[in-house]
Amino acid sequence: MIHYDKFTLDNGLRVIVHKDKNTPLVAINLLYAVGSKDENEEKTGFAHLFEHLMFGGSKNYPDFDMIVEERGGELNAFTCNDYTNYYISMPLSELEIGLKLESDRMTNLIMSQKSLDTQKNVVIEEYKQRYLNQPYGDVWLLLRELSYTTHPYKWNTIGKDISHIEDANLDDVKAFYKKFYVPNNAILCIAGNVELENIKFLCEKHFSYIEKGEEITRKNIVEPKQNKSRELMVERDVPQDVIFITYPMSTRLEKGYYAFDLLSDILSNGRSSRLYNNLVKEKQIFTEVNAFISGDADNGLFILTGKYRDGISMKEGRDALLEELRNISYEEILEDEFQKVKNKFESTMTFSQIKTLERAMNLCYFEFLGDIDQVNKEVDSYQALTVDYIQNLARQTFIEEKSNTLFYEAKKK
């Protein structure tokens, strides 16, 4: 059980306090409710670009890394489709300097042409290295565009096209900062051996002077129900043929989300899983096979993927994966098999909350989703599922007209 307290400053900043007496460190996690789905389709990649810009220094603290590292701490950030997350872990005695850093870059970030050019070059190089010049690097660029027609999940966090980053100008960046990097669009969690009243005092001291931003009007874009299958075949200079099949799935807080997660674990969690035993060991169609979910806040994707053995046709591999989906939808799932994946999740969840920083991240995340209490109900949400429920969901979902298939072929020598 993760215990927490919450309060909100007059400027809209939501603050979560989690007391952990067992650590000498304090975790400062700051989530901004802006991800790639909040971008203009003609100017994508800005949420991720901004993650880099936020480390370029602020008016009073020109070098965040040096300040934190000199005090025995570490800091980093990540961007996803739904939000951007910044975190600092440092000795408890340095808590106040950590809050000063976060408050200063929330309102006094250095945004010069030099800083923008530097970070644009970093992101453009990352785009080229990770997505354009690496084997299978463009898979998710292709797969998202294939799987979504309307929802902004159809582009990756790095951006829809490299030109969007190349063309980003200072006015665009300043407008993005002014709109999204405001206290009423942020959630702060402070976790460690802290006292609630002291945290209230420090947050008032360091954040209350920041003006509330304009309320953000978000378009609630819902992907239309898919009623026709889609396929894409590409040829690349890669060592093996690969296949990806996606199906639309539930939003993060729906019951179906937990069911799809368990279905993916039954199929491919470990060497005793169905896909590994049937398609890698027994039939030897793939050298590697996997099933997983995208984990997005809005309607995400259930994904199957396999790397082909030599001599296996693309169709044979696809048919084999679809057969496994039919089996899990219509044939008996033994109670032992079902309970095993539930227990695996429970142990994974337990281990994921050992570190104070991870608890702080989870608290911010579920507050962002709109149900912070769910942080303590995740295990129950999985344990409450029945075989009948997940198989009914599978039968409704794993059908031809809802599938999106990417055939990723290796160039013939």
Protein backbone atom coordinates (compact mmCIF):
# COMPACT_ATOMS: atom_id res chain seq x y z
CA MET A 1 0.00 0.00 0.00
CA ILE A 2 1.41 3.38 -1.05
CA HIS A 3 0.28 6.09 1.35
CA TYR A 4 0.15 9.67 0.13
CA ASP A 5 -1.25 13.14 0.77
CA LYS A 6 -2.32 15.68 -1.83
CA PHE A 7 -2.82 19.41 -2.05
CA THR A 8 -3.15 21.98 -4.81
CA LEU A 9 -1.60 25.45 -4.96
CA ASP A 10 -3.67 28.44 -6.00
CA ASN A 11 -1.95 28.43 -9.40
CA GLY A 12 -3.20 24.88 -10.07
CA LEU A 13 -0.03 22.90 -9.36
CA ARG A 14 -1.03 19.52 -7.92
CA VAL A 15 1.37 18.22 -5.28
CA ILE A 16 1.56 14.65 -3.97
CA VAL A 17 3.56 13.82 -0.84
CA HIS A 18 4.67 10.27 -0.12
CA LYS A 19 6.48 9.65 3.16
CA ASP A 20 9.15 6.93 3.12
CA LYS A 21 11.17 6.69 6.32
CA ASN A 22 13.48 4.04 4.90
CA THR A 23 15.51 6.09 2.45
CA PRO A 24 18.13 8.82 2.85
CA LEU A 25 17.18 10.14 -0.59
CA VAL A 26 14.31 12.26 -1.77
CA ALA A 27 12.61 11.81 -5.14
CA ILE A 28 11.25 14.86 -6.95
CA ASN A 29 9.07 13.82 -9.87
CA LEU A 30 7.41 16.42 -12.06
CA LEU A 31 4.96 15.30 -14.73
CA TYR A 32 3.73 17.72 -17.38
CA ALA A 33 0.51 16.70 -19.11
CA VAL A 34 1.91 17.13 -22.60
CA GLY A 35 2.98 14.35 -24.92
CA SER A 36 3.21 13.83 -28.63
CA LYS A 37 -0.59 13.46 -28.85
CA ASP A 38 -0.91 17.16 -27.91
CA GLU A 39 1.10 18.33 -30.90
CA ASN A 40 -0.02 19.95 -34.13
CA GLU A 41 0.18 17.30 -36.85
CA GLU A 42 2.20 19.72 -38.98
CA LYS A 43 4.64 20.41 -36.14
CA THR A 44 5.34 17.08 -34.46
CA GLY A 45 8.23 16.08 -32.22
CA PHE A 46 7.90 19.19 -30.04
CA ALA A 47 7.18 17.38 -26.77
CA HIS A 48 10.37 15.36 -27.14
CA LEU A 49 12.36 18.36 -28.35
CA PHE A 50 11.20 20.23 -25.28
CA GLU A 51 12.45 17.48 -23.00
CA HIS A 52 15.93 18.30 -24.33
CA LEU A 53 15.41 22.06 -24.08
CA MET A 54 14.46 21.73 -20.40
CA PHE A 55 18.04 20.70 -19.64
CA GLY A 56 19.51 23.75 -21.38
CA GLY A 57 19.49 25.84 -18.21
CA SER A 58 17.28 28.51 -16.69
CA LYS A 59 17.77 32.12 -15.64
CA ASN A 60 19.13 31.34 -12.18
CA TYR A 61 20.53 27.85 -12.79
CA PRO A 62 22.38 27.61 -16.11
CA ASP A 63 23.64 24.03 -15.56
CA PHE A 64 21.16 21.61 -13.95
CA ASP A 65 23.30 18.52 -14.38
CA MET A 66 26.31 19.98 -12.58
CA ILE A 67 24.24 21.32 -9.67
CA VAL A 68 22.50 17.98 -9.05
CA GLU A 69 25.56 15.79 -9.59
CA GLU A 70 27.74 17.93 -7.29
CA ARG A 71 25.20 17.23 -4.56
CA GLY A 72 25.27 13.48 -5.07
CA GLY A 73 22.08 13.27 -7.09
CA GLU A 74 20.92 12.26 -10.53
CA LEU A 75 18.28 13.58 -12.90
CA ASN A 76 16.69 12.61 -16.17
CA ALA A 77 13.46 12.72 -18.14
CA PHE A 78 11.40 10.85 -20.71
CA THR A 79 8.67 11.71 -23.18
CA CYS A 80 5.81 9.48 -24.27
CA ASN A 81 2.63 9.85 -26.28
CA ASP A 82 0.67 11.12 -23.28
CA TYR A 83 2.99 13.12 -21.03
CA THR A 84 6.55 14.25 -20.27
CA ASN A 85 8.21 13.27 -17.01
CA TYR A 86 11.19 14.89 -15.23
CA TYR A 87 12.78 13.44 -12.13
CA ILE A 88 15.54 14.16 -9.65
CA SER A 89 16.84 11.83 -6.95
CA MET A 90 19.19 13.36 -4.38
CA PRO A 91 20.02 13.38 -0.66
CA LEU A 92 17.15 14.63 1.50
CA SER A 93 19.30 17.53 2.71
CA GLU A 94 19.31 18.88 -0.87
CA LEU A 95 15.52 18.85 -1.33
CA GLU A 96 15.15 22.60 -1.48
CA ILE A 97 17.71 23.09 -4.25
CA GLY A 98 15.89 20.44 -6.26
CA LEU A 99 12.63 22.34 -5.91
CA LYS A 100 14.37 25.59 -6.86
CA LEU A 101 15.64 23.98 -10.05
CA GLU A 102 12.21 22.72 -11.06
CA SER A 103 10.43 25.97 -10.26
CA ASP A 104 13.00 28.06 -12.13
CA ARG A 105 12.82 26.05 -15.30
CA MET A 106 9.03 26.05 -15.11
CA THR A 107 9.05 29.81 -15.50
CA ASN A 108 12.56 31.02 -16.45
CA LEU A 109 13.81 28.51 -19.01
CA ILE A 110 16.54 29.86 -21.27
CA MET A 111 15.14 29.89 -24.79
CA SER A 112 17.70 31.38 -27.12
CA GLN A 113 18.39 30.65 -30.76
CA LYS A 114 21.68 29.07 -29.72
CA SER A 115 19.99 26.73 -27.24
CA LEU A 116 17.32 25.80 -29.77
CA ASP A 117 19.85 25.11 -32.52
CA THR A 118 21.94 22.95 -30.19
CA GLN A 119 19.02 20.80 -29.09
CA LYS A 120 17.55 20.57 -32.58
CA ASN A 121 20.85 19.15 -33.79
CA VAL A 122 20.82 16.61 -30.94
CA VAL A 123 17.29 15.46 -31.75
CA ILE A 124 17.91 15.37 -35.51
CA GLU A 125 20.98 13.20 -34.93
CA GLU A 126 18.94 10.95 -32.62
CA TYR A 127 16.25 10.69 -35.30
CA LYS A 128 18.80 9.62 -37.89
CA GLN A 129 20.70 7.19 -35.68
CA ARG A 130 17.77 5.48 -33.95
CA TYR A 131 15.05 5.61 -36.57
CA LEU A 132 16.60 5.99 -40.02
CA ASN A 133 20.05 4.38 -39.92
CA GLN A 134 19.46 1.47 -37.54
CA PRO A 135 18.09 -1.95 -38.55
CA TYR A 136 14.32 -2.03 -37.91
CA GLY A 137 14.58 1.57 -36.66
CA ASP A 138 11.59 2.83 -38.63
CA VAL A 139 9.23 0.03 -37.52
CA TRP A 140 7.23 2.20 -35.13
CA LEU A 141 7.12 5.11 -37.54
CA LEU A 142 5.45 2.76 -40.01
CA LEU A 143 3.36 0.78 -37.54
CA ARG A 144 1.70 3.72 -35.82
CA GLU A 145 0.74 5.30 -39.12
CA LEU A 146 -0.66 1.96 -40.27
CA SER A 147 -2.61 1.34 -37.05
CA TYR A 148 -4.18 4.79 -36.59
CA THR A 149 -6.02 6.93 -39.10
CA THR A 150 -7.21 9.80 -36.90
CA HIS A 151 -5.84 9.74 -33.36
CA PRO A 152 -2.49 11.56 -32.82
CA TYR A 153 -0.95 8.27 -31.69
CA LYS A 154 -0.37 7.82 -35.41
CA TRP A 155 3.01 9.52 -35.07
CA ASN A 156 5.90 8.59 -32.81
CA THR A 157 7.25 10.79 -30.02
CA ILE A 158 10.35 11.59 -32.10
CA GLY A 159 8.03 13.21 -34.66
CA LYS A 160 6.21 12.34 -37.85
CA ASP A 161 8.94 13.69 -40.09
CA ILE A 162 12.46 14.94 -39.44
CA SER A 163 11.62 18.19 -41.26
CA HIS A 164 9.26 19.18 -38.43
CA ILE A 165 12.24 19.43 -36.07
CA GLU A 166 14.46 21.03 -38.69
CA ASP A 167 11.86 23.74 -39.29
CA ALA A 168 11.07 24.43 -35.61
CA ASN A 169 11.64 28.11 -34.82
CA LEU A 170 11.97 30.11 -31.62
CA ASP A 171 8.41 31.45 -31.79
CA ASP A 172 7.03 27.90 -32.05
CA VAL A 173 9.08 26.79 -29.04
CA LYS A 174 8.10 29.78 -26.89
CA ALA A 175 4.42 29.23 -27.68
CA PHE A 176 4.69 25.54 -26.74
CA TYR A 177 6.38 26.45 -23.44
CA LYS A 178 3.82 29.12 -22.60
CA LYS A 179 0.92 26.77 -23.30
CA PHE A 180 2.03 23.52 -21.67
CA TYR A 181 4.79 24.27 -19.15
CA VAL A 182 2.54 25.93 -16.61
CA PRO A 183 1.74 24.92 -13.02
CA ASN A 184 -1.88 24.03 -13.77
CA ASN A 185 -0.67 21.48 -16.33
CA ALA A 186 1.81 19.82 -13.96
CA ILE A 187 1.81 17.24 -11.18
CA LEU A 188 4.64 17.24 -8.63
CA CYS A 189 5.39 14.32 -6.31
CA ILE A 190 7.91 14.54 -3.49
CA ALA A 191 8.76 11.21 -1.91
CA GLY A 192 11.13 10.47 0.95
CA ASN A 193 11.43 10.95 4.69
CA VAL A 194 9.56 14.25 4.49
CA GLU A 195 6.87 16.01 6.50
CA LEU A 196 3.70 17.20 4.82
CA GLU A 197 3.67 20.65 6.43
CA ASN A 198 7.27 21.31 5.43
CA ILE A 199 6.54 20.29 1.85
CA LYS A 200 3.55 22.63 1.79
CA PHE A 201 5.79 25.45 3.01
CA LEU A 202 8.52 24.74 0.44
CA CYS A 203 6.08 24.42 -2.46
CA GLU A 204 4.37 27.68 -1.54
CA LYS A 205 7.79 29.32 -1.29
CA HIS A 206 9.14 28.09 -4.61
CA PHE A 207 6.11 27.57 -6.87
CA SER A 208 3.26 29.82 -5.74
CA TYR A 209 4.76 32.91 -7.42
CA ILE A 210 4.44 31.26 -10.85
CA GLU A 211 1.38 32.49 -12.69
CA LYS A 212 -1.32 30.07 -13.67
CA GLY A 213 -1.41 29.40 -17.39
CA GLU A 214 -4.44 29.64 -19.64
CA GLU A 215 -6.70 26.60 -19.43
CA ILE A 216 -5.76 24.12 -22.11
CA THR A 217 -8.56 23.04 -24.40
CA ARG A 218 -7.85 19.57 -25.67
CA LYS A 219 -9.64 17.88 -28.53
CA ASN A 220 -10.90 14.49 -27.42
CA ILE A 221 -9.94 12.70 -30.62
CA VAL A 222 -11.23 9.13 -30.70
CA GLU A 223 -9.97 6.66 -33.27
CA PRO A 224 -12.90 5.42 -35.39
CA LYS A 225 -13.81 1.76 -34.98
CA GLN A 226 -11.80 -0.26 -37.45
CA ASN A 227 -13.84 -2.44 -39.81
CA LYS A 228 -11.30 -3.23 -42.51
CA SER A 229 -7.89 -4.84 -42.20
CA ARG A 230 -4.80 -2.94 -43.31
CA GLU A 231 -1.47 -4.24 -44.59
CA LEU A 232 1.87 -2.72 -45.48
CA MET A 233 4.89 -4.47 -46.96
CA VAL A 234 8.34 -2.84 -46.95
CA GLU A 235 11.79 -4.07 -47.90
CA ARG A 236 14.82 -3.00 -45.92
CA ASP A 237 18.50 -3.89 -45.52
CA VAL A 238 18.03 -6.00 -42.38
CA PRO A 239 19.22 -9.50 -41.39
CA GLN A 240 15.78 -11.15 -40.96
CA ASP A 241 12.21 -10.86 -42.12
CA VAL A 242 9.93 -9.58 -39.36
CA ILE A 243 6.16 -9.35 -38.99
CA PHE A 244 4.10 -7.04 -36.77
CA ILE A 245 0.34 -7.41 -36.27
CA THR A 246 -1.62 -4.89 -34.20
CA TYR A 247 -5.19 -4.74 -32.92
CA PRO A 248 -6.94 -1.75 -31.29
CA MET A 249 -7.46 -2.16 -27.55
CA SER A 250 -8.83 -0.48 -24.44
CA THR A 251 -7.85 2.75 -22.72
CA ARG A 252 -5.57 2.59 -19.68
CA LEU A 253 -8.19 2.56 -16.91
CA GLU A 254 -10.71 0.28 -18.58
CA LYS A 255 -11.16 -3.30 -17.42
CA GLY A 256 -10.18 -4.46 -20.88
CA TYR A 257 -6.69 -3.01 -20.49
CA TYR A 258 -5.85 -5.51 -17.77
CA ALA A 259 -7.36 -8.35 -19.78
CA PHE A 260 -5.27 -7.55 -22.86
CA ASP A 261 -2.17 -7.36 -20.67
CA LEU A 262 -2.86 -10.85 -19.28
CA LEU A 263 -3.56 -12.19 -22.78
CA SER A 264 -0.17 -10.91 -23.93
CA ASP A 265 1.50 -12.59 -20.94
CA ILE A 266 -0.21 -15.94 -21.56
CA LEU A 267 1.03 -15.77 -25.13
CA SER A 268 4.61 -14.71 -24.60
CA ASN A 269 5.78 -14.16 -21.02
CA GLY A 270 8.87 -16.35 -20.74
CA ARG A 271 10.08 -19.61 -22.26
CA SER A 272 7.10 -21.57 -20.98
CA SER A 273 4.70 -19.32 -22.92
CA ARG A 274 2.52 -20.47 -25.81
CA LEU A 275 4.20 -18.53 -28.61
CA TYR A 276 7.70 -19.61 -27.63
CA ASN A 277 6.81 -23.28 -27.19
CA ASN A 278 4.64 -23.57 -30.29
CA LEU A 279 6.28 -21.26 -32.81
CA VAL A 280 9.93 -21.14 -31.79
CA LYS A 281 10.64 -24.56 -30.28
CA GLU A 282 8.09 -26.89 -31.88
CA LYS A 283 7.21 -25.53 -35.33
CA GLN A 284 10.44 -23.48 -35.68
CA ILE A 285 8.76 -20.72 -37.68
CA PHE A 286 10.33 -17.84 -35.75
CA THR A 287 13.64 -17.31 -33.95
CA GLU A 288 11.98 -14.80 -31.66
CA VAL A 289 8.32 -14.04 -31.02
CA ASN A 290 6.49 -11.69 -28.69
CA ALA A 291 3.12 -10.26 -27.70
CA PHE A 292 2.71 -7.03 -25.73
CA ILE A 293 0.56 -3.94 -25.29
CA SER A 294 1.50 -0.34 -26.01
CA GLY A 295 0.31 0.88 -22.60
CA ASP A 296 -1.13 4.19 -23.78
CA ALA A 297 -3.65 6.28 -21.83
CA ASP A 298 -6.11 6.40 -24.74
CA ASN A 299 -6.99 3.42 -26.91
CA GLY A 300 -3.72 1.63 -27.42
CA LEU A 301 -2.50 -1.37 -29.38
CA PHE A 302 -2.17 -5.09 -28.79
CA ILE A 303 0.93 -6.14 -30.72
CA LEU A 304 2.28 -9.45 -32.01
CA THR A 305 5.71 -9.68 -33.58
CA GLY A 306 8.01 -12.40 -34.82
CA LYS A 307 11.44 -12.69 -36.45
CA TYR A 308 11.37 -15.36 -39.14
CA ARG A 309 13.64 -18.32 -39.57
CA ASP A 310 15.20 -18.62 -43.03
CA GLY A 311 12.97 -20.25 -45.60
CA ILE A 312 9.66 -19.42 -43.90
CA SER A 313 7.20 -17.40 -45.98
CA MET A 314 5.60 -14.24 -44.67
CA LYS A 315 2.16 -15.82 -45.05
CA GLU A 316 3.11 -18.94 -43.10
CA GLY A 317 4.32 -16.84 -40.18
CA ARG A 318 1.20 -14.67 -40.19
CA ASP A 319 -1.09 -17.71 -40.33
CA ALA A 320 0.76 -19.28 -37.40
CA LEU A 321 0.34 -16.16 -35.24
CA LEU A 322 -3.34 -15.88 -36.13
CA GLU A 323 -3.85 -19.52 -35.22
CA GLU A 324 -2.44 -18.84 -31.75
CA LEU A 325 -4.91 -15.97 -31.37
CA ARG A 326 -7.77 -18.27 -32.36
CA ASN A 327 -6.60 -20.86 -29.84
CA ILE A 328 -6.44 -18.40 -26.96
CA SER A 329 -9.86 -17.04 -27.94
CA TYR A 330 -11.73 -20.33 -28.25
CA GLU A 331 -9.83 -23.17 -26.61
CA GLU A 332 -9.56 -23.84 -22.90
CA ILE A 333 -7.22 -21.70 -20.79
CA LEU A 334 -6.23 -23.79 -17.81
CA GLU A 335 -6.70 -22.18 -14.41
CA ASP A 336 -3.05 -22.86 -13.49
CA GLU A 337 -1.84 -21.07 -16.62
CA PHE A 338 -4.16 -18.16 -15.93
CA GLN A 339 -3.19 -17.83 -12.27
CA LYS A 340 0.50 -18.04 -13.12
CA VAL A 341 0.41 -14.88 -15.25
CA LYS A 342 -1.63 -13.08 -12.60
CA ASN A 343 0.98 -13.97 -9.98
CA LYS A 344 3.81 -12.89 -12.28
CA PHE A 345 2.21 -9.49 -12.63
CA GLU A 346 1.79 -9.21 -8.86
CA SER A 347 5.47 -9.94 -8.27
CA THR A 348 6.50 -7.55 -11.05
CA MET A 349 4.32 -4.82 -9.56
CA THR A 350 5.80 -5.41 -6.11
CA PHE A 351 9.37 -5.17 -7.36
CA SER A 352 8.57 -2.08 -9.44
CA GLN A 353 7.58 -0.20 -6.31
CA ILE A 354 10.64 -0.95 -4.20
CA LYS A 355 12.39 2.28 -5.18
CA THR A 356 11.03 5.55 -3.83
CA LEU A 357 11.46 7.24 -7.20
CA GLU A 358 9.35 4.62 -8.96
CA ARG A 359 6.58 5.11 -6.40
CA ALA A 360 6.73 8.85 -7.04
CA MET A 361 6.45 8.26 -10.79
CA ASN A 362 3.49 5.92 -10.34
CA LEU A 363 1.66 8.39 -8.10
CA CYS A 364 2.08 11.17 -10.66
CA TYR A 365 1.00 8.85 -13.47
CA PHE A 366 -2.25 7.71 -11.89
CA GLU A 367 -3.06 11.26 -10.80
CA PHE A 368 -2.52 12.25 -14.44
CA LEU A 369 -4.91 9.49 -15.52
CA GLY A 370 -7.50 10.86 -13.11
CA ASP A 371 -7.56 8.04 -10.56
CA ILE A 372 -4.62 8.17 -8.16
CA ASP A 373 -6.21 5.52 -5.92
CA GLN A 374 -5.70 3.01 -8.73
CA VAL A 375 -2.00 2.93 -7.79
CA ASN A 376 -3.06 0.69 -4.90
CA LYS A 377 -5.67 -1.28 -6.86
CA GLU A 378 -3.65 -2.47 -9.86
CA VAL A 379 -3.08 -5.96 -8.47
CA ASP A 380 -6.79 -6.32 -7.63
CA SER A 381 -7.71 -5.25 -11.16
CA TYR A 382 -5.71 -8.17 -12.55
CA GLN A 383 -6.71 -10.73 -9.93
CA ALA A 384 -10.43 -9.98 -10.46
CA LEU A 385 -10.34 -11.00 -14.12
CA THR A 386 -11.91 -14.28 -15.21
CA VAL A 387 -11.08 -16.60 -18.09
CA ASP A 388 -14.55 -16.06 -19.57
CA TYR A 389 -14.07 -12.30 -19.63
CA ILE A 390 -10.68 -12.30 -21.33
CA GLN A 391 -11.74 -14.89 -23.90
CA ASN A 392 -14.89 -12.97 -24.78
CA LEU A 393 -12.75 -9.88 -25.26
CA ALA A 394 -10.28 -11.83 -27.39
CA ARG A 395 -13.07 -13.18 -29.62
CA GLN A 396 -14.39 -9.65 -30.18
CA THR A 397 -10.94 -8.20 -30.89
CA PHE A 398 -8.79 -10.73 -32.71
CA ILE A 399 -10.70 -10.70 -35.97
CA GLU A 400 -9.49 -10.06 -39.50
CA GLU A 401 -11.11 -6.66 -40.03
CA LYS A 402 -9.45 -5.21 -36.92
CA SER A 403 -5.92 -6.30 -37.81
CA ASN A 404 -3.04 -4.20 -39.09
CA THR A 405 -0.11 -6.16 -40.50
CA LEU A 406 3.37 -4.87 -41.29
CA PHE A 407 5.46 -7.27 -43.38
CA TYR A 408 9.06 -6.10 -42.92
CA GLU A 409 11.15 -8.02 -45.43
CA ALA A 410 14.91 -8.33 -45.66
CA LYS A 411 16.36 -7.34 -49.01
CA LYS A 412 17.29 -10.36 -51.08
CA LYS A 413 21.01 -10.64 -51.64
